[in-house]
PDB file of N, CA and C in Angstrom:
ATOM      1  N   SER A   1     -73.518 -73.893 155.144  1.00  0.00           N
ATOM      2  CA  SER A   1     -72.488 -72.341 154.674  1.00  0.00           C
ATOM      3  C   SER A   1     -73.358 -71.772 156.394  1.00  0.00           C
ATOM      4  N   CYS A   2     -71.921 -71.113 156.751  1.00  0.00           N
ATOM      5  CA  CYS A   2     -72.308 -70.308 158.239  1.00  0.00           C
ATOM      6  C   CYS A   2     -71.952 -68.859 156.830  1.00  0.00           C
ATOM      7  N   SER A   3     -72.124 -68.433 156.179  1.00  0.00           N
ATOM      8  CA  SER A   3     -72.870 -67.497 155.296  1.00  0.00           C
ATOM      9  C   SER A   3     -73.767 -66.286 155.835  1.00  0.00           C
ATOM     10  N   THR A   4     -73.787 -65.528 156.267  1.00  0.00           N
ATOM     11  CA  THR A   4     -74.418 -64.525 155.577  1.00  0.00           C
ATOM     12  C   THR A   4     -74.394 -62.645 155.612  1.00  0.00           C
ATOM     13  N   ILE A   5     -76.061 -62.798 155.951  1.00  0.00           N
ATOM     14  CA  ILE A   5     -75.547 -60.954 155.368  1.00  0.00           C
ATOM     15  C   ILE A   5     -76.924 -59.901 156.452  1.00  0.00           C
ATOM     16  N   GLN A   6     -76.250 -59.321 156.816  1.00  0.00           N
ATOM     17  CA  GLN A   6     -77.724 -57.877 157.593  1.00  0.00           C
ATOM     18  C   GLN A   6     -76.619 -56.767 157.234  1.00  0.00           C
ATOM     19  N   VAL A   7     -78.089 -56.177 157.483  1.00  0.00           N
ATOM     20  CA  VAL A   7     -77.960 -54.642 157.004  1.00  0.00           C
ATOM     21  C   VAL A   7     -78.116 -53.745 157.951  1.00  0.00           C
ATOM     22  N   TYR A   8     -77.446 -52.819 158.328  1.00  0.00           N
ATOM     23  CA  TYR A   8     -77.428 -51.082 159.024  1.00  0.00           C
ATOM     24  C   TYR A   8     -77.709 -50.217 158.390  1.00  0.00           C
ATOM     25  N   TYR A   9     -77.641 -49.086 159.106  1.00  0.00           N
ATOM     26  CA  TYR A   9     -78.523 -48.206 159.165  1.00  0.00           C
ATOM     27  C   TYR A   9     -78.199 -47.424 159.347  1.00  0.00           C
ATOM     28  N   SER A  10     -77.760 -45.563 159.485  1.00  0.00           N
ATOM     29  CA  SER A  10     -77.838 -44.180 160.114  1.00  0.00           C
ATOM     30  C   SER A  10     -78.155 -43.715 159.460  1.00  0.00           C
ATOM     31  N   THR A  11     -78.778 -42.539 159.892  1.00  0.00           N
ATOM     32  CA  THR A  11     -79.203 -40.937 159.075  1.00  0.00           C
ATOM     33  C   THR A  11     -77.458 -40.000 160.359  1.00  0.00           C
ATOM     34  N   GLY A  12     -77.582 -39.189 158.858  1.00  0.00           N
ATOM     35  CA  GLY A  12     -76.759 -37.538 159.444  1.00  0.00           C
ATOM     36  C   GLY A  12     -75.205 -38.130 159.943  1.00  0.00           C
ATOM     37  N   TYR A  13     -74.962 -38.014 161.435  1.00  0.00           N
ATOM     38  CA  TYR A  13     -73.929 -38.751 161.771  1.00  0.00           C
ATOM     39  C   TYR A  13     -73.801 -39.286 163.020  1.00  0.00           C
ATOM     40  N   SER A  14     -74.916 -40.180 163.460  1.00  0.00           N
ATOM     41  CA  SER A  14     -75.507 -41.272 163.641  1.00  0.00           C
ATOM     42  C   SER A  14     -74.607 -42.944 163.270  1.00  0.00           C
ATOM     43  N   PRO A  15     -74.136 -43.711 164.166  1.00  0.00           N
ATOM     44  CA  PRO A  15     -73.895 -44.139 164.429  1.00  0.00           C
ATOM     45  C   PRO A  15     -74.458 -45.519 163.810  1.00  0.00           C
ATOM     46  N   LEU A  16     -73.722 -46.662 162.875  1.00  0.00           N
ATOM     47  CA  LEU A  16     -74.276 -47.301 162.171  1.00  0.00           C
ATOM     48  C   LEU A  16     -75.596 -48.122 163.466  1.00  0.00           C
ATOM     49  N   ALA A  17     -76.456 -48.717 162.566  1.00  0.00           N
ATOM     50  CA  ALA A  17     -77.553 -49.493 163.776  1.00  0.00           C
ATOM     51  C   ALA A  17     -78.392 -50.711 162.935  1.00  0.00           C
ATOM     52  N   ALA A  18     -77.666 -52.090 163.226  1.00  0.00           N
ATOM     53  CA  ALA A  18     -78.491 -53.252 163.027  1.00  0.00           C
ATOM     54  C   ALA A  18     -80.062 -52.787 163.054  1.00  0.00           C
ATOM     55  N   VAL A  19     -80.174 -53.241 161.574  1.00  0.00           N
ATOM     56  CA  VAL A  19     -81.823 -52.853 160.974  1.00  0.00           C
ATOM     57  C   VAL A  19     -82.618 -54.149 160.761  1.00  0.00           C
ATOM     58  N   THR A  20     -81.548 -55.410 160.905  1.00  0.00           N
ATOM     59  CA  THR A  20     -81.613 -56.587 160.196  1.00  0.00           C
ATOM     60  C   THR A  20     -81.259 -57.536 160.957  1.00  0.00           C
ATOM     61  N   GLN A  21     -81.978 -59.122 161.469  1.00  0.00           N
ATOM     62  CA  GLN A  21     -80.820 -59.886 161.958  1.00  0.00           C
ATOM     63  C   GLN A  21     -79.401 -60.294 161.262  1.00  0.00           C
ATOM     64  N   PRO A  22     -78.771 -60.666 161.508  1.00  0.00           N
ATOM     65  CA  PRO A  22     -77.975 -62.146 160.089  1.00  0.00           C
ATOM     66  C   PRO A  22     -78.940 -62.893 159.428  1.00  0.00           C
ATOM     67  N   ILE A  23     -78.293 -62.763 158.634  1.00  0.00           N
ATOM     68  CA  ILE A  23     -79.638 -63.787 157.169  1.00  0.00           C
ATOM     69  C   ILE A  23     -78.787 -64.136 156.567  1.00  0.00           C
ATOM     70  N   PRO A  24     -78.864 -66.174 156.854  1.00  0.00           N
ATOM     71  CA  PRO A  24     -78.516 -67.227 155.911  1.00  0.00           C
ATOM     72  C   PRO A  24     -78.521 -66.370 154.592  1.00  0.00           C
ATOM     73  N   ASN A  25     -76.693 -66.615 153.473  1.00  0.00           N
ATOM     74  CA  ASN A  25     -77.016 -66.529 152.535  1.00  0.00           C
ATOM     75  C   ASN A  25     -75.867 -66.716 151.791  1.00  0.00           C
ATOM     76  N   ASP A  26     -76.245 -67.959 150.905  1.00  0.00           N
ATOM     77  CA  ASP A  26     -75.732 -68.502 150.676  1.00  0.00           C
ATOM     78  C   ASP A  26     -75.122 -68.295 150.149  1.00  0.00           C
ATOM     79  N   ASN A  27     -73.953 -67.704 149.264  1.00  0.00           N
ATOM     80  CA  ASN A  27     -73.113 -67.117 148.206  1.00  0.00           C
ATOM     81  C   ASN A  27     -72.347 -68.181 147.551  1.00  0.00           C
ATOM     82  N   GLY A  28     -71.317 -69.372 148.147  1.00  0.00           N
ATOM     83  CA  GLY A  28     -70.732 -70.141 147.828  1.00  0.00           C
ATOM     84  C   GLY A  28     -70.327 -70.917 146.091  1.00  0.00           C
ATOM     85  N   GLY A  29     -71.207 -70.514 144.948  1.00  0.00           N
ATOM     86  CA  GLY A  29     -71.773 -69.924 144.370  1.00  0.00           C
ATOM     87  C   GLY A  29     -70.479 -69.254 143.491  1.00  0.00           C
ATOM     88  N   GLY A  30     -70.140 -68.058 143.989  1.00  0.00           N
ATOM     89  CA  GLY A  30     -69.550 -67.039 143.702  1.00  0.00           C
ATOM     90  C   GLY A  30     -70.363 -65.628 142.606  1.00  0.00           C
ATOM     91  N   GLY A  31     -70.499 -65.720 142.010  1.00  0.00           N
ATOM     92  CA  GLY A  31     -71.113 -63.839 141.386  1.00  0.00           C
ATOM     93  C   GLY A  31     -70.949 -62.777 142.056  1.00  0.00           C
ATOM     94  N   GLN A  32     -71.517 -62.222 141.765  1.00  0.00           N
ATOM     95  CA  GLN A  32     -71.468 -60.534 141.817  1.00  0.00           C
ATOM     96  C   GLN A  32     -72.178 -60.239 142.535  1.00  0.00           C
ATOM     97  N   PHE A  33     -71.684 -59.242 143.237  1.00  0.00           N
ATOM     98  CA  PHE A  33     -72.424 -57.967 144.591  1.00  0.00           C
ATOM     99  C   PHE A  33     -73.169 -57.032 143.608  1.00  0.00           C
ATOM    100  N   GLN A  34     -74.472 -57.271 143.933  1.00  0.00           N
ATOM    101  CA  GLN A  34     -74.982 -55.340 144.008  1.00  0.00           C
ATOM    102  C   GLN A  34     -75.825 -54.883 144.606  1.00  0.00           C
ATOM    103  N   ILE A  35     -75.285 -53.036 144.864  1.00  0.00           N
ATOM    104  CA  ILE A  35     -75.988 -53.074 146.153  1.00  0.00           C
ATOM    105  C   ILE A  35     -76.170 -51.678 145.400  1.00  0.00           C
ATOM    106  N   GLY A  36     -77.906 -51.793 145.649  1.00  0.00           N
ATOM    107  CA  GLY A  36     -78.731 -50.565 145.160  1.00  0.00           C
ATOM    108  C   GLY A  36     -79.837 -50.601 145.773  1.00  0.00           C
ATOM    109  N   ILE A  37     -80.535 -49.211 145.454  1.00  0.00           N
ATOM    110  CA  ILE A  37     -82.588 -49.293 146.101  1.00  0.00           C
ATOM    111  C   ILE A  37     -82.911 -48.675 144.940  1.00  0.00           C
ATOM    112  N   LEU A  38     -83.566 -49.462 145.323  1.00  0.00           N
ATOM    113  CA  LEU A  38     -84.669 -49.563 144.152  1.00  0.00           C
ATOM    114  C   LEU A  38     -86.356 -48.736 144.049  1.00  0.00           C
ATOM    115  N   LYS A  39     -86.737 -47.775 143.624  1.00  0.00           N
ATOM    116  CA  LYS A  39     -88.262 -46.694 144.329  1.00  0.00           C
ATOM    117  C   LYS A  39     -88.667 -47.302 143.063  1.00  0.00           C
ATOM    118  N   LYS A  40     -90.485 -48.740 143.198  1.00  0.00           N
ATOM    119  CA  LYS A  40     -91.198 -48.685 142.037  1.00  0.00           C
ATOM    120  C   LYS A  40     -91.966 -47.486 142.316  1.00  0.00           C
ATOM    121  N   PRO A  41     -92.147 -47.062 141.278  1.00  0.00           N
ATOM    122  CA  PRO A  41     -93.724 -45.976 140.620  1.00  0.00           C
ATOM    123  C   PRO A  41     -94.731 -47.000 140.633  1.00  0.00           C
ATOM    124  N   THR A  42     -95.951 -46.145 141.817  1.00  0.00           N
ATOM    125  CA  THR A  42     -96.679 -46.235 141.826  1.00  0.00           C
ATOM    126  C   THR A  42     -97.895 -46.866 140.275  1.00  0.00           C
ATOM    127  N   GLU A  43     -99.138 -47.771 140.474  1.00  0.00           N
ATOM    128  CA  GLU A  43     -99.731 -46.927 139.455  1.00  0.00           C
ATOM    129  C   GLU A  43     -99.057 -48.112 138.241  1.00  0.00           C
ATOM    130  N   THR A  44     -98.187 -49.146 138.498  1.00  0.00           N
ATOM    131  CA  THR A  44     -97.439 -49.758 137.333  1.00  0.00           C
ATOM    132  C   THR A  44     -98.048 -50.752 137.344  1.00  0.00           C
ATOM    133  N   GLU A  45     -98.187 -51.641 135.905  1.00  0.00           N
ATOM    134  CA  GLU A  45     -97.422 -53.181 135.645  1.00  0.00           C
ATOM    135  C   GLU A  45     -96.582 -53.407 136.172  1.00  0.00           C
ATOM    136  N   SER A  46     -95.614 -52.790 135.574  1.00  0.00           N
ATOM    137  CA  SER A  46     -94.334 -52.504 134.224  1.00  0.00           C
ATOM    138  C   SER A  46     -93.012 -51.730 135.552  1.00  0.00           C
ATOM    139  N   VAL A  47     -92.264 -52.438 135.847  1.00  0.00           N
ATOM    140  CA  VAL A  47     -91.361 -50.744 136.810  1.00  0.00           C
ATOM    141  C   VAL A  47     -91.010 -50.339 135.486  1.00  0.00           C
ATOM    142  N   VAL A  48     -90.645 -51.033 135.105  1.00  0.00           N
ATOM    143  CA  VAL A  48     -89.612 -50.515 133.207  1.00  0.00           C
ATOM    144  C   VAL A  48     -90.376 -49.713 132.413  1.00  0.00           C
ATOM    145  N   ASN A  49     -91.859 -49.760 132.103  1.00  0.00           N
ATOM    146  CA  ASN A  49     -92.651 -48.862 131.403  1.00  0.00           C
ATOM    147  C   ASN A  49     -93.542 -48.321 131.362  1.00  0.00           C
ATOM    148  N   ASP A  50     -94.064 -48.252 132.742  1.00  0.00           N
ATOM    149  CA  ASP A  50     -95.117 -47.171 133.544  1.00  0.00           C
ATOM    150  C   ASP A  50     -94.950 -46.645 134.269  1.00  0.00           C
ATOM    151  N   GLY A  51     -96.216 -46.395 134.943  1.00  0.00           N
ATOM    152  CA  GLY A  51     -95.441 -45.606 136.185  1.00  0.00           C
ATOM    153  C   GLY A  51     -96.120 -44.334 136.634  1.00  0.00           C
ATOM    154  N   TYR A  52     -96.580 -43.966 137.946  1.00  0.00           N
ATOM    155  CA  TYR A  52     -96.040 -42.336 138.211  1.00  0.00           C
ATOM    156  C   TYR A  52     -95.266 -42.252 139.934  1.00  0.00           C
ATOM    157  N   GLN A  53     -94.141 -41.394 139.424  1.00  0.00           N
ATOM    158  CA  GLN A  53     -93.419 -40.684 140.252  1.00  0.00           C
ATOM    159  C   GLN A  53     -93.402 -38.879 140.790  1.00  0.00           C
ATOM    160  N   GLU A  54     -93.824 -39.353 141.648  1.00  0.00           N
ATOM    161  CA  GLU A  54     -94.226 -38.227 142.232  1.00  0.00           C
ATOM    162  C   GLU A  54     -93.599 -36.773 141.473  1.00  0.00           C
ATOM    163  N   SER A  55     -93.598 -35.901 141.158  1.00  0.00           N
ATOM    164  CA  SER A  55     -92.717 -34.398 141.201  1.00  0.00           C
ATOM    165  C   SER A  55     -92.312 -33.585 142.114  1.00  0.00           C
ATOM    166  N   GLY A  56     -91.617 -32.983 142.056  1.00  0.00           N
ATOM    167  CA  GLY A  56     -92.002 -31.914 143.132  1.00  0.00           C
ATOM    168  C   GLY A  56     -90.601 -32.751 144.494  1.00  0.00           C
ATOM    169  N   ILE A  57     -90.704 -33.804 144.867  1.00  0.00           N
ATOM    170  CA  ILE A  57     -90.190 -34.140 145.752  1.00  0.00           C
ATOM    171  C   ILE A  57     -88.405 -34.584 145.229  1.00  0.00           C
ATOM    172  N   PHE A  58     -87.672 -33.559 146.639  1.00  0.00           N
ATOM    173  CA  PHE A  58     -86.592 -33.901 146.238  1.00  0.00           C
ATOM    174  C   PHE A  58     -86.178 -34.567 147.233  1.00  0.00           C
ATOM    175  N   GLU A  59     -85.271 -35.469 147.092  1.00  0.00           N
ATOM    176  CA  GLU A  59     -84.811 -36.891 147.542  1.00  0.00           C
ATOM    177  C   GLU A  59     -83.965 -37.094 146.711  1.00  0.00           C
ATOM    178  N   GLY A  60     -83.236 -38.289 147.955  1.00  0.00           N
ATOM    179  CA  GLY A  60     -81.389 -38.365 147.595  1.00  0.00           C
ATOM    180  C   GLY A  60     -80.974 -39.144 147.790  1.00  0.00           C
ATOM    181  N   GLN A  61     -79.890 -40.919 147.616  1.00  0.00           N
ATOM    182  CA  GLN A  61     -79.662 -41.423 148.314  1.00  0.00           C
ATOM    183  C   GLN A  61     -77.947 -40.827 148.138  1.00  0.00           C
ATOM    184  N   VAL A  62     -77.272 -41.676 149.466  1.00  0.00           N
ATOM    185  CA  VAL A  62     -75.901 -41.506 149.530  1.00  0.00           C
ATOM    186  C   VAL A  62     -75.513 -42.915 149.802  1.00  0.00           C
ATOM    187  N   TYR A  63     -74.673 -43.317 149.374  1.00  0.00           N
ATOM    188  CA  TYR A  63     -73.587 -44.508 149.574  1.00  0.00           C
ATOM    189  C   TYR A  63     -72.949 -44.496 150.004  1.00  0.00           C
ATOM    190  N   GLY A  64     -72.591 -44.600 151.114  1.00  0.00           N
ATOM    191  CA  GLY A  64     -71.048 -44.681 152.243  1.00  0.00           C
ATOM    192  C   GLY A  64     -70.541 -45.973 153.076  1.00  0.00           C
ATOM    193  N   GLY A  65     -69.873 -45.335 152.958  1.00  0.00           N
ATOM    194  CA  GLY A  65     -68.499 -47.290 153.106  1.00  0.00           C
ATOM    195  C   GLY A  65     -69.619 -48.321 153.518  1.00  0.00           C
ATOM    196  N   ILE A  66     -69.406 -48.516 152.023  1.00  0.00           N
ATOM    197  CA  ILE A  66     -70.039 -49.811 151.414  1.00  0.00           C
ATOM    198  C   ILE A  66     -68.555 -50.686 150.938  1.00  0.00           C
ATOM    199  N   PHE A  67     -69.120 -52.146 151.656  1.00  0.00           N
ATOM    200  CA  PHE A  67     -67.907 -52.964 152.325  1.00  0.00           C
ATOM    201  C   PHE A  67     -68.682 -54.537 151.706  1.00  0.00           C
ATOM    202  N   VAL A  68     -67.387 -55.152 151.099  1.00  0.00           N
ATOM    203  CA  VAL A  68     -67.542 -56.530 151.438  1.00  0.00           C
ATOM    204  C   VAL A  68     -66.634 -57.011 152.809  1.00  0.00           C
ATOM    205  N   GLU A  69     -67.327 -57.995 153.697  1.00  0.00           N
ATOM    206  CA  GLU A  69     -66.154 -57.968 154.418  1.00  0.00           C
ATOM    207  C   GLU A  69     -65.746 -59.586 154.389  1.00  0.00           C
ATOM    208  N   ASP A  70     -64.497 -59.991 154.964  1.00  0.00           N
ATOM    209  CA  ASP A  70     -64.431 -62.022 155.341  1.00  0.00           C
ATOM    210  C   ASP A  70     -64.956 -61.845 156.682  1.00  0.00           C
ATOM    211  N   SER A  71     -66.149 -62.886 157.506  1.00  0.00           N
ATOM    212  CA  SER A  71     -65.989 -62.581 158.139  1.00  0.00           C
ATOM    213  C   SER A  71     -66.227 -63.856 159.251  1.00  0.00           C
ATOM    214  N   ALA A  72     -65.289 -64.680 157.985  1.00  0.00           N
ATOM    215  CA  ALA A  72     -65.125 -65.757 158.685  1.00  0.00           C
ATOM    216  C   ALA A  72     -64.177 -66.207 160.286  1.00  0.00           C
ATOM    217  N   ASP A  73     -63.743 -65.089 160.658  1.00  0.00           N
ATOM    218  CA  ASP A  73     -63.579 -65.587 161.364  1.00  0.00           C
ATOM    219  C   ASP A  73     -64.217 -64.158 162.912  1.00  0.00           C
ATOM    220  N   GLY A  74     -65.718 -64.520 161.933  1.00  0.00           N
ATOM    221  CA  GLY A  74     -67.229 -63.537 163.554  1.00  0.00           C
ATOM    222  C   GLY A  74     -66.335 -62.114 163.741  1.00  0.00           C
ATOM    223  N   CYS A  75     -65.935 -61.181 162.691  1.00  0.00           N
ATOM    224  CA  CYS A  75     -64.782 -60.385 162.786  1.00  0.00           C
ATOM    225  C   CYS A  75     -66.567 -58.765 161.989  1.00  0.00           C
ATOM    226  N   ILE A  76     -66.873 -58.138 162.602  1.00  0.00           N
ATOM    227  CA  ILE A  76     -67.339 -57.236 161.999  1.00  0.00           C
ATOM    228  C   ILE A  76     -67.017 -55.601 162.234  1.00  0.00           C
ATOM    229  N   SER A  77     -66.607 -54.687 161.443  1.00  0.00           N
ATOM    230  CA  SER A  77     -66.184 -54.064 161.813  1.00  0.00           C
ATOM    231  C   SER A  77     -66.841 -52.155 161.039  1.00  0.00           C
ATOM    232  N   LEU A  78     -66.483 -52.237 162.371  1.00  0.00           N
ATOM    233  CA  LEU A  78     -68.137 -50.350 162.283  1.00  0.00           C
ATOM    234  C   LEU A  78     -67.320 -49.465 162.770  1.00  0.00           C
TER     235      LEU A  78
END
């Protein structure tokens, strides 16, 4: 299989830039796509049941332009 996954990143109005090389990704079995970022707490044995997150930190994430592309012909739509 030639399927790969690659991560691109930018901030503000800067153009996207590749931050990883293409990584083999055999998704021939179908399944589902999950897009997200998990911020794990500190001092934890279980991400779900305990841990510590600092207060007073104003941060956020914006997901924009997320797409799944058929790149069988080698295209990359940036």
